[in-house]
């Protein structure tokens, strides 16, 4: 029996702009834009996962994160419980550290995001801007559309 996976996405903000990467065309969500994100590994804490994924994909070092959202993201090819975080303390500049996953990094201002955005990242971003705060919010049964409920 298949079971949902657990993934982490991290919002990194600099000068009122947000970091997004364009996914490699040969992976799930190819050519879509996304936050630094990835899968939780066995016996890894959420903070360790957030730090590792951001470092592996972008070279940025995250010290602290704050929870934003818990989203149940159901897509035709996958099902993940995605935890979204805001990096509250980080250093470095984005680089292409995992070219087989992310082919480009760029900073975008709110309302100026590129399209298309990878659904797990979209849920995190939508919640961040919908709330106007960084408090945790549960989003239920996202079936590849924006049907969030409180």
Protein backbone atom coordinates (compact mmCIF):
# COMPACT_ATOMS: atom_id res chain seq x y z
CA UNK A 1 0.00 0.00 0.00
CA UNK A 2 1.26 3.48 -0.87
CA UNK A 3 1.57 6.06 1.86
CA UNK A 4 2.08 9.84 1.69
CA UNK A 5 5.59 11.19 1.96
CA UNK A 6 6.76 14.17 4.02
CA UNK A 7 8.37 17.17 2.39
CA UNK A 8 9.68 20.53 3.56
CA UNK A 9 9.61 23.88 1.75
CA UNK A 10 11.49 26.98 2.95
CA UNK A 11 10.62 30.59 2.18
CA UNK A 12 13.73 32.79 1.97
CA UNK A 13 13.07 36.54 1.88
CA UNK A 14 15.57 39.28 1.05
CA UNK A 15 14.73 42.97 0.49
CA UNK A 16 11.00 42.13 0.10
CA UNK A 17 11.78 39.54 -2.58
CA UNK A 18 11.41 35.78 -2.35
CA UNK A 19 13.77 33.10 -3.65
CA UNK A 20 12.39 30.65 -6.22
CA UNK A 21 14.18 28.07 -8.33
CA UNK A 22 13.20 26.61 -11.70
CA UNK A 23 13.04 22.82 -11.51
CA UNK A 24 15.03 20.65 -13.90
CA UNK A 25 12.82 19.58 -16.84
CA UNK A 26 13.37 15.85 -16.18
CA UNK A 27 12.09 15.74 -12.57
CA UNK A 28 8.57 15.89 -11.14
CA UNK A 29 7.28 19.39 -11.69
CA UNK A 30 9.88 19.99 -14.38
CA UNK A 31 10.27 23.64 -15.49
CA UNK A 32 7.97 24.77 -12.67
CA UNK A 33 9.24 27.30 -10.12
CA UNK A 34 9.56 26.28 -6.49
CA UNK A 35 10.90 27.19 -3.08
CA UNK A 36 13.96 25.33 -1.81
CA UNK A 37 12.36 22.05 -0.81
CA UNK A 38 12.79 18.32 -0.46
CA UNK A 39 11.95 15.15 1.43
CA UNK A 40 12.38 14.45 5.12
CA UNK A 41 14.94 11.69 5.70
CA UNK A 42 14.80 8.90 8.28
CA UNK A 43 15.56 10.14 11.85
CA UNK A 44 15.99 13.73 10.65
CA UNK A 45 14.42 16.64 12.54
CA UNK A 46 12.36 19.19 10.64
CA UNK A 47 15.00 21.88 11.22
CA UNK A 48 17.76 19.53 10.02
CA UNK A 49 15.76 18.78 6.88
CA UNK A 50 15.11 22.46 6.17
CA UNK A 51 18.79 23.30 6.61
CA UNK A 52 19.99 20.35 4.52
CA UNK A 53 17.58 20.89 1.63
CA UNK A 54 18.27 24.61 1.33
CA UNK A 55 22.05 24.02 1.51
CA UNK A 56 21.97 21.13 -1.01
CA UNK A 57 19.87 23.00 -3.55
CA UNK A 58 21.03 26.60 -3.19
CA UNK A 59 24.19 26.74 -1.08
CA UNK A 60 22.43 29.04 1.41
CA UNK A 61 22.94 28.23 5.09
CA UNK A 62 19.80 28.42 7.23
CA UNK A 63 20.15 28.80 10.98
CA UNK A 64 16.52 29.20 12.13
CA UNK A 65 13.05 28.67 10.67
CA UNK A 66 9.51 29.45 11.77
CA UNK A 67 6.53 27.26 10.73
CA UNK A 68 4.07 28.71 8.23
CA UNK A 69 1.80 25.95 6.94
CA UNK A 70 1.00 22.28 6.96
CA UNK A 71 -0.46 21.24 3.60
CA UNK A 72 -1.82 17.90 2.42
CA UNK A 73 -0.83 18.05 -1.27
CA UNK A 74 -2.43 15.38 -3.45
CA UNK A 75 -1.36 15.33 -7.10
CA UNK A 76 -1.96 12.64 -9.74
CA UNK A 77 1.62 11.32 -9.41
CA UNK A 78 2.29 11.95 -5.72
CA UNK A 79 0.89 12.61 -2.25
CA UNK A 80 2.89 14.57 0.32
CA UNK A 81 2.33 16.18 3.65
CA UNK A 82 4.27 19.39 3.07
CA UNK A 83 5.51 21.58 5.91
CA UNK A 84 6.28 25.16 4.98
CA UNK A 85 8.78 27.27 6.91
CA UNK A 86 10.07 30.83 6.81
CA UNK A 87 13.85 31.12 7.19
CA UNK A 88 14.25 33.71 9.95
CA UNK A 89 18.03 33.51 10.05
CA UNK A 90 20.17 32.59 7.04
CA UNK A 91 23.32 33.59 5.15
CA UNK A 92 24.79 33.26 1.69
CA UNK A 93 23.72 33.81 -1.89
CA UNK A 94 21.89 31.29 -4.07
CA UNK A 95 23.95 29.13 -6.40
CA UNK A 96 23.17 26.15 -8.61
CA UNK A 97 24.30 23.47 -6.14
CA UNK A 98 22.12 20.64 -7.49
CA UNK A 99 21.89 21.14 -11.28
CA UNK A 100 19.96 17.87 -11.66
CA UNK A 101 17.18 19.42 -9.50
CA UNK A 102 17.27 23.23 -9.88
CA UNK A 103 18.57 24.95 -13.04
CA UNK A 104 18.06 28.58 -12.04
CA UNK A 105 17.52 30.70 -8.90
CA UNK A 106 15.98 34.17 -8.88
CA UNK A 107 14.40 36.68 -6.49
CA UNK A 108 10.78 37.75 -7.08
CA UNK A 109 8.61 40.37 -5.41
CA UNK A 110 5.12 39.57 -4.17
CA UNK A 111 2.63 39.77 -7.02
CA UNK A 112 5.44 39.28 -9.53
CA UNK A 113 6.00 35.54 -9.21
CA UNK A 114 6.76 33.51 -12.34
CA UNK A 115 4.39 30.87 -13.67
CA UNK A 116 3.90 28.02 -13.28
CA UNK A 117 4.64 27.42 -9.57
CA UNK A 118 5.04 23.85 -8.29
CA UNK A 119 1.90 23.00 -6.28
CA UNK A 120 3.60 22.27 -2.90
CA UNK A 121 5.40 25.64 -3.12
CA UNK A 122 2.20 27.37 -4.22
CA UNK A 123 0.40 26.17 -1.10
CA UNK A 124 3.14 27.60 1.13
CA UNK A 125 3.29 30.91 -0.75
CA UNK A 126 -0.50 31.32 -0.91
CA UNK A 127 -0.82 30.70 2.82
CA UNK A 128 1.96 33.15 3.65
CA UNK A 129 0.30 35.97 1.70
CA UNK A 130 -3.27 35.02 2.54
CA UNK A 131 -2.60 35.23 6.26
CA UNK A 132 -0.35 38.25 6.30
CA UNK A 133 1.37 36.62 9.29
CA UNK A 134 3.66 33.66 9.80
CA UNK A 135 1.45 31.57 12.09
CA UNK A 136 0.90 27.90 11.30
CA UNK A 137 -2.24 27.07 9.31
CA UNK A 138 -3.51 23.66 8.16
CA UNK A 139 -4.58 23.31 4.54
CA UNK A 140 -6.74 20.27 3.85
CA UNK A 141 -6.96 18.10 0.73
CA UNK A 142 -5.35 20.13 -1.99
CA UNK A 143 -6.31 18.18 -5.09
CA UNK A 144 -4.17 20.21 -7.51
CA UNK A 145 -6.37 23.27 -6.98
CA UNK A 146 -6.62 25.99 -4.40
CA UNK A 147 -9.27 24.63 -2.03
CA UNK A 148 -7.74 25.52 1.31
CA UNK A 149 -9.83 25.44 4.49
CA UNK A 150 -9.05 26.64 7.98
